Amino acid sequence: MSSGTYHFLRLINHPLKSRLFLFSRLPSAYFSGVRIGIANESECTVSVPYKWFSRNPFRSTYFACLSMAAEMSTGVLAMLHTYQCSPSLSILVIKMESEFFKRATDTTFFTCENGTGIQMAVEAAISSGVAQSFVAHSLGVNKKGEKIASFSVTWSFKSRKK
């Protein structure tokens, strides 16, 4: 594990520092209650509660809040593997697909286990200088382990070196 990876994981797994990051950079996620549960080099879990600010008129969690949590579970891994890399990379979501299985009426936990694939795409972008894309998958389950939603987020990694 590189020192940059270690430093990023310490920041993102710190309860106060991760909330300050959300508040300053992603206020809609912060106020919706989206929280980073645990992150390591290979996976990340993010939760979103069912509460007044995140619910829809149909008494379930609003799909946009579910989407934020799913994207964040993949995005933390993308940020982790691009943190302090040289040359720096631009990262961008270029496509997102979702499938919903059950109403979200409790806290939903989204887990992405594609850290290794993201790391390989980042390394390919750095070594080749050509933009690389990677489809990261995030599965959302409730506290009972029932499948709520599945998301596929396509990330693009492009070297800023000219």
Protein backbone atom coordinates (compact mmCIF):
# COMPACT_ATOMS: atom_id res chain seq x y z
CA MET A 1 0.00 0.00 0.00
CA SER A 2 1.46 3.34 -1.03
CA SER A 3 1.68 6.23 1.42
CA GLY A 4 -0.92 8.17 -0.65
CA THR A 5 -3.37 5.26 -0.47
CA TYR A 6 -2.78 4.90 3.27
CA HIS A 7 -3.29 8.65 3.81
CA PHE A 8 -6.50 8.72 1.76
CA LEU A 9 -7.93 5.71 3.62
CA ARG A 10 -7.16 7.35 6.98
CA LEU A 11 -9.01 10.48 5.87
CA ILE A 12 -12.03 8.77 4.33
CA ASN A 13 -12.50 6.29 7.20
CA HIS A 14 -12.29 9.00 9.86
CA PRO A 15 -15.90 9.73 10.95
CA LEU A 16 -15.49 13.48 11.41
CA LYS A 17 -13.20 14.14 8.43
CA SER A 18 -15.40 12.16 6.03
CA ARG A 19 -18.47 14.11 7.20
CA LEU A 20 -16.63 17.40 6.76
CA PHE A 21 -15.68 16.32 3.24
CA LEU A 22 -19.33 15.53 2.45
CA PHE A 23 -20.55 18.78 3.99
CA SER A 24 -18.05 20.92 2.05
CA ARG A 25 -17.97 19.07 -1.29
CA LEU A 26 -21.26 17.12 -1.51
CA PRO A 27 -23.79 18.93 0.69
CA SER A 28 -26.81 17.17 -0.84
CA ALA A 29 -25.30 13.80 0.10
CA TYR A 30 -24.47 15.10 3.58
CA PHE A 31 -27.99 16.38 4.26
CA SER A 32 -29.53 13.21 2.81
CA GLY A 33 -27.61 11.21 5.39
CA VAL A 34 -25.28 9.41 2.98
CA ARG A 35 -22.33 8.10 5.00
CA ILE A 36 -19.17 6.19 4.17
CA GLY A 37 -19.16 3.03 6.25
CA ILE A 38 -15.85 1.41 5.50
CA ALA A 39 -13.36 1.68 2.68
CA ASN A 40 -10.24 -0.25 1.81
CA GLU A 41 -8.24 -0.83 -1.39
CA SER A 42 -10.70 -3.36 -2.80
CA GLU A 43 -14.15 -2.35 -1.54
CA CYS A 44 -16.26 0.46 -0.15
CA THR A 45 -19.61 0.46 1.63
CA VAL A 46 -21.82 3.55 1.79
CA SER A 47 -25.18 3.87 3.54
CA VAL A 48 -28.23 6.03 2.99
CA PRO A 49 -31.04 6.13 5.55
CA TYR A 50 -34.75 6.29 5.01
CA LYS A 51 -35.67 9.57 6.68
CA TRP A 52 -37.59 12.76 6.04
CA PHE A 53 -34.93 14.36 3.83
CA SER A 54 -34.32 11.28 1.67
CA ARG A 55 -37.83 9.92 1.20
CA ASN A 56 -40.24 10.26 -1.69
CA PRO A 57 -44.07 10.62 -1.64
CA PHE A 58 -44.40 6.82 -1.98
CA ARG A 59 -42.89 6.16 1.45
CA SER A 60 -39.54 4.84 0.28
CA THR A 61 -36.06 6.29 -0.23
CA TYR A 62 -35.94 8.61 -3.21
CA PHE A 63 -34.06 7.06 -6.15
CA ALA A 64 -31.72 10.05 -6.39
CA CYS A 65 -30.52 9.43 -2.83
CA LEU A 66 -30.00 5.75 -3.61
CA SER A 67 -28.08 6.81 -6.74
CA MET A 68 -25.86 9.15 -4.71
CA ALA A 69 -24.91 6.39 -2.29
CA ALA A 70 -24.29 3.85 -5.06
CA GLU A 71 -22.15 6.28 -7.06
CA MET A 72 -20.22 7.23 -3.94
CA SER A 73 -19.39 3.60 -3.16
CA THR A 74 -17.68 3.38 -6.56
CA GLY A 75 -16.37 6.95 -6.49
CA VAL A 76 -14.47 6.54 -3.23
CA LEU A 77 -12.54 3.68 -4.85
CA ALA A 78 -11.89 5.81 -7.94
CA MET A 79 -10.64 8.67 -5.77
CA LEU A 80 -8.53 6.29 -3.69
CA HIS A 81 -6.67 4.90 -6.66
CA THR A 82 -6.15 8.34 -8.27
CA TYR A 83 -5.21 10.18 -5.05
CA GLN A 84 -1.82 11.88 -5.40
CA CYS A 85 -0.93 9.85 -8.50
CA SER A 86 1.53 11.23 -10.98
CA PRO A 87 0.67 12.33 -13.57
CA SER A 88 -2.69 13.42 -12.22
CA LEU A 89 -5.82 11.91 -13.74
CA SER A 90 -9.20 13.37 -14.49
CA ILE A 91 -12.02 11.10 -13.42
CA LEU A 92 -15.55 11.35 -14.69
CA VAL A 93 -18.76 9.32 -14.62
CA ILE A 94 -19.72 8.71 -18.25
CA LYS A 95 -22.63 6.31 -17.79
CA MET A 96 -24.88 5.01 -15.04
CA GLU A 97 -27.43 2.20 -15.13
CA SER A 98 -29.66 0.97 -12.35
CA GLU A 99 -32.14 -1.74 -11.51
CA PHE A 100 -34.50 -1.61 -8.55
CA PHE A 101 -35.81 -4.75 -6.87
CA LYS A 102 -37.57 -3.72 -3.67
CA ARG A 103 -38.75 -0.53 -1.99
CA ALA A 104 -36.14 1.03 0.26
CA THR A 105 -37.93 1.65 3.57
CA ASP A 106 -34.91 1.37 5.88
CA THR A 107 -31.20 2.13 5.69
CA THR A 108 -29.72 0.86 2.43
CA PHE A 109 -26.08 -0.20 2.24
CA PHE A 110 -24.29 -0.01 -1.12
CA THR A 111 -21.10 -2.00 -1.56
CA CYS A 112 -18.69 -1.87 -4.47
CA GLU A 113 -16.03 -4.59 -4.57
CA ASN A 114 -14.26 -3.45 -7.75
CA GLY A 115 -11.23 -1.72 -6.26
CA THR A 116 -8.77 -4.01 -8.04
CA GLY A 117 -10.38 -3.42 -11.44
CA ILE A 118 -10.43 0.34 -10.88
CA GLN A 119 -6.76 0.25 -9.89
CA MET A 120 -5.89 -1.64 -13.08
CA ALA A 121 -7.80 0.91 -15.21
CA VAL A 122 -5.98 3.77 -13.47
CA GLU A 123 -2.59 2.14 -14.01
CA ALA A 124 -3.43 1.54 -17.69
CA ALA A 125 -4.43 5.20 -18.11
CA ILE A 126 -1.17 6.35 -16.56
CA SER A 127 1.10 3.99 -18.49
CA SER A 128 -0.58 4.34 -21.90
CA GLY A 129 -1.64 7.97 -21.75
CA VAL A 130 -4.95 6.87 -23.29
CA ALA A 131 -8.29 7.33 -21.53
CA GLN A 132 -9.56 4.15 -19.92
CA SER A 133 -13.06 3.32 -18.78
CA PHE A 134 -14.21 0.87 -16.16
CA VAL A 135 -17.69 -0.28 -15.16
CA ALA A 136 -17.97 -0.53 -11.39
CA HIS A 137 -20.90 -2.36 -9.83
CA SER A 138 -22.59 -1.44 -6.57
CA LEU A 139 -25.20 -3.60 -4.87
CA GLY A 140 -27.63 -2.08 -2.38
CA VAL A 141 -29.13 -4.19 0.39
CA ASN A 142 -31.22 -3.40 3.46
CA LYS A 143 -30.46 -4.40 7.06
CA LYS A 144 -32.02 -7.83 6.44
CA GLY A 145 -29.69 -8.42 3.48
CA GLU A 146 -32.52 -8.15 0.92
CA LYS A 147 -31.50 -6.79 -2.48
CA ILE A 148 -32.85 -3.25 -2.98
CA ALA A 149 -31.02 -2.00 -6.07
CA SER A 150 -28.06 -2.63 -8.32
CA PHE A 151 -26.06 0.09 -10.07
CA SER A 152 -23.41 0.02 -12.77
CA VAL A 153 -21.30 3.17 -12.92
CA THR A 154 -18.91 3.66 -15.83
CA TRP A 155 -15.88 5.73 -14.89
CA SER A 156 -13.43 7.33 -17.30
CA PHE A 157 -9.80 7.85 -16.26
CA LYS A 158 -7.66 10.14 -18.40
CA SER A 159 -4.11 11.29 -17.85
CA ARG A 160 -3.68 15.05 -17.71
CA LYS A 161 -0.11 14.68 -19.00
CA LYS A 162 0.22 16.06 -22.52
